[in-house]
Amino acid sequence: MSDSETLKGILLSCEGRILVKAGEKMYIETGAYNQAVNGNYELDATGSYTAAAAGTVSISSTGSDVK
């Protein structure tokens, strides 16, 4: 597949925030990572999903049950 046939992505940054739109694979490597969502958050995986932690994993909800 040539460069002209591959999907392109964008990276925008402003005031310490970033927007990434990736047409293919995306990798993030960082010393520490915190994700905050204002509004609803949904994670869909068409294949398997694996999460691994060396420490404690905590899932909580305020106002409703964790399902």
N, C-alpha and C. Protein backbone atom coordinates (compact mmCIF):
# COMPACT_ATOMS: atom_id res chain seq x y z
N MET A 1 0.84 -1.17 0.00
CA MET A 1 0.00 0.00 0.00
C MET A 1 0.90 1.24 0.00
N SER A 2 0.67 2.15 -0.88
CA SER A 2 1.49 3.36 -0.96
C SER A 2 1.02 4.39 0.06
N ASP A 3 1.84 5.41 0.30
CA ASP A 3 1.49 6.47 1.24
C ASP A 3 0.19 7.17 0.85
N SER A 4 -0.07 7.30 -0.44
CA SER A 4 -1.29 7.99 -0.88
C SER A 4 -2.53 7.15 -0.64
N GLU A 5 -2.37 5.83 -0.43
CA GLU A 5 -3.51 4.94 -0.20
C GLU A 5 -3.79 4.71 1.29
N THR A 6 -2.86 5.08 2.18
CA THR A 6 -3.07 4.86 3.60
C THR A 6 -3.96 5.94 4.18
N LEU A 7 -4.61 5.61 5.28
CA LEU A 7 -5.46 6.57 5.95
C LEU A 7 -4.60 7.59 6.68
N LYS A 8 -5.02 8.82 6.66
CA LYS A 8 -4.26 9.89 7.31
C LYS A 8 -4.91 10.25 8.63
N GLY A 9 -4.19 10.86 9.52
CA GLY A 9 -4.72 11.29 10.80
C GLY A 9 -4.39 12.75 11.02
N ILE A 10 -4.92 13.32 12.10
CA ILE A 10 -4.63 14.71 12.44
C ILE A 10 -4.25 14.79 13.91
N LEU A 11 -3.49 15.79 14.26
CA LEU A 11 -3.16 16.09 15.65
C LEU A 11 -3.28 17.60 15.80
N LEU A 12 -4.18 18.02 16.67
CA LEU A 12 -4.36 19.43 16.97
C LEU A 12 -4.06 19.65 18.44
N SER A 13 -3.43 20.75 18.78
CA SER A 13 -3.19 21.05 20.19
C SER A 13 -3.46 22.53 20.45
N CYS A 14 -4.03 22.81 21.61
CA CYS A 14 -4.34 24.18 21.99
C CYS A 14 -4.53 24.23 23.50
N GLU A 15 -3.89 25.14 24.17
CA GLU A 15 -4.05 25.36 25.60
C GLU A 15 -3.82 24.09 26.42
N GLY A 16 -2.84 23.29 26.04
CA GLY A 16 -2.51 22.10 26.79
C GLY A 16 -3.40 20.90 26.52
N ARG A 17 -4.33 21.01 25.58
CA ARG A 17 -5.22 19.90 25.23
C ARG A 17 -4.90 19.43 23.83
N ILE A 18 -5.18 18.16 23.56
CA ILE A 18 -4.92 17.65 22.21
C ILE A 18 -6.16 16.92 21.68
N LEU A 19 -6.29 16.92 20.38
CA LEU A 19 -7.29 16.13 19.67
C LEU A 19 -6.53 15.28 18.68
N VAL A 20 -6.75 13.98 18.74
CA VAL A 20 -6.08 13.06 17.84
C VAL A 20 -7.15 12.31 17.06
N LYS A 21 -7.05 12.29 15.76
CA LYS A 21 -7.91 11.46 14.93
C LYS A 21 -6.97 10.56 14.15
N ALA A 22 -7.05 9.27 14.45
CA ALA A 22 -6.13 8.32 13.83
C ALA A 22 -6.91 7.45 12.85
N GLY A 23 -6.39 7.33 11.64
CA GLY A 23 -7.02 6.49 10.65
C GLY A 23 -6.61 5.04 10.77
N GLU A 24 -5.52 4.78 11.46
CA GLU A 24 -5.04 3.40 11.62
C GLU A 24 -4.74 3.17 13.10
N LYS A 25 -3.60 2.66 13.46
CA LYS A 25 -3.25 2.36 14.84
C LYS A 25 -2.78 3.62 15.55
N MET A 26 -3.02 3.68 16.86
CA MET A 26 -2.57 4.80 17.66
C MET A 26 -1.90 4.25 18.92
N TYR A 27 -0.75 4.76 19.26
CA TYR A 27 -0.01 4.33 20.43
C TYR A 27 0.22 5.54 21.33
N ILE A 28 0.07 5.35 22.64
CA ILE A 28 0.36 6.39 23.62
C ILE A 28 1.35 5.80 24.61
N GLU A 29 2.46 6.48 24.82
CA GLU A 29 3.42 6.08 25.84
C GLU A 29 3.70 7.30 26.70
N THR A 30 3.51 7.17 28.00
CA THR A 30 3.68 8.29 28.89
C THR A 30 4.08 7.80 30.28
N GLY A 31 4.67 8.67 31.06
CA GLY A 31 5.06 8.32 32.42
C GLY A 31 3.86 8.17 33.34
N ALA A 32 2.84 8.95 33.13
CA ALA A 32 1.60 8.87 33.91
C ALA A 32 0.46 9.29 33.00
N TYR A 33 -0.72 8.69 33.20
CA TYR A 33 -1.83 8.97 32.31
C TYR A 33 -3.10 9.12 33.13
N ASN A 34 -3.81 10.20 32.93
CA ASN A 34 -5.08 10.45 33.60
C ASN A 34 -6.08 10.86 32.54
N GLN A 35 -7.26 10.26 32.57
CA GLN A 35 -8.27 10.59 31.58
C GLN A 35 -9.51 11.07 32.31
N ALA A 36 -9.98 12.26 31.99
CA ALA A 36 -11.20 12.79 32.56
C ALA A 36 -12.19 13.04 31.43
N VAL A 37 -13.44 12.69 31.65
CA VAL A 37 -14.46 12.84 30.62
C VAL A 37 -15.58 13.71 31.17
N ASN A 38 -15.91 14.75 30.44
CA ASN A 38 -17.06 15.58 30.77
C ASN A 38 -18.22 15.11 29.91
N GLY A 39 -19.13 14.33 30.48
CA GLY A 39 -20.21 13.74 29.70
C GLY A 39 -20.07 12.23 29.68
N ASN A 40 -20.72 11.60 28.75
CA ASN A 40 -20.70 10.14 28.64
C ASN A 40 -19.41 9.66 27.98
N TYR A 41 -19.01 8.45 28.32
CA TYR A 41 -17.82 7.84 27.74
C TYR A 41 -18.16 6.41 27.34
N GLU A 42 -17.80 6.03 26.15
CA GLU A 42 -18.08 4.68 25.66
C GLU A 42 -16.83 4.12 25.01
N LEU A 43 -16.53 2.87 25.32
CA LEU A 43 -15.38 2.18 24.75
C LEU A 43 -15.88 0.95 24.03
N ASP A 44 -15.67 0.89 22.73
CA ASP A 44 -16.09 -0.26 21.92
C ASP A 44 -14.85 -0.93 21.35
N ALA A 45 -14.82 -2.25 21.44
CA ALA A 45 -13.74 -3.02 20.85
C ALA A 45 -14.36 -4.09 19.95
N THR A 46 -13.91 -4.14 18.70
CA THR A 46 -14.43 -5.16 17.79
C THR A 46 -13.72 -6.49 18.00
N GLY A 47 -12.61 -6.46 18.71
CA GLY A 47 -11.88 -7.68 19.05
C GLY A 47 -11.78 -7.82 20.56
N SER A 48 -10.75 -8.47 21.02
CA SER A 48 -10.56 -8.64 22.46
C SER A 48 -10.05 -7.35 23.09
N TYR A 49 -10.27 -7.22 24.39
CA TYR A 49 -9.80 -6.06 25.16
C TYR A 49 -9.09 -6.58 26.39
N THR A 50 -7.85 -6.16 26.60
CA THR A 50 -7.06 -6.62 27.73
C THR A 50 -6.58 -5.42 28.52
N ALA A 51 -6.75 -5.49 29.83
CA ALA A 51 -6.22 -4.45 30.73
C ALA A 51 -5.36 -5.15 31.77
N ALA A 52 -4.17 -4.61 32.01
CA ALA A 52 -3.27 -5.19 33.00
C ALA A 52 -2.78 -4.08 33.92
N ALA A 53 -2.70 -4.38 35.21
CA ALA A 53 -2.24 -3.40 36.19
C ALA A 53 -1.33 -4.08 37.20
N ALA A 54 -0.24 -3.42 37.55
CA ALA A 54 0.64 -3.95 38.58
C ALA A 54 0.08 -3.68 39.97
N GLY A 55 -0.83 -2.69 40.06
CA GLY A 55 -1.43 -2.34 41.35
C GLY A 55 -2.93 -2.58 41.35
N THR A 56 -3.61 -1.84 42.19
CA THR A 56 -5.06 -1.99 42.38
C THR A 56 -5.84 -1.43 41.21
N VAL A 57 -6.91 -2.12 40.84
CA VAL A 57 -7.86 -1.63 39.84
C VAL A 57 -9.14 -1.28 40.58
N SER A 58 -9.62 -0.05 40.41
CA SER A 58 -10.81 0.41 41.11
C SER A 58 -11.82 0.92 40.10
N ILE A 59 -13.06 0.45 40.20
CA ILE A 59 -14.15 0.92 39.35
C ILE A 59 -15.28 1.35 40.28
N SER A 60 -15.74 2.58 40.12
CA SER A 60 -16.82 3.06 40.98
C SER A 60 -17.78 3.93 40.19
N SER A 61 -18.96 4.12 40.75
CA SER A 61 -19.98 4.94 40.12
C SER A 61 -20.71 5.70 41.20
N THR A 62 -21.00 6.96 40.95
CA THR A 62 -21.80 7.73 41.89
C THR A 62 -23.20 7.88 41.30
N GLY A 63 -24.20 7.48 42.06
CA GLY A 63 -25.57 7.64 41.61
C GLY A 63 -26.15 6.45 40.87
N SER A 64 -25.34 5.44 40.54
CA SER A 64 -25.88 4.25 39.88
C SER A 64 -24.94 3.07 40.11
N ASP A 65 -25.39 1.90 39.68
CA ASP A 65 -24.61 0.67 39.88
C ASP A 65 -23.56 0.51 38.79
N VAL A 66 -22.49 -0.19 39.12
CA VAL A 66 -21.49 -0.59 38.15
C VAL A 66 -21.95 -1.93 37.59
N LYS A 67 -22.10 -2.03 36.27
CA LYS A 67 -22.59 -3.26 35.65
C LYS A 67 -21.49 -3.95 34.88
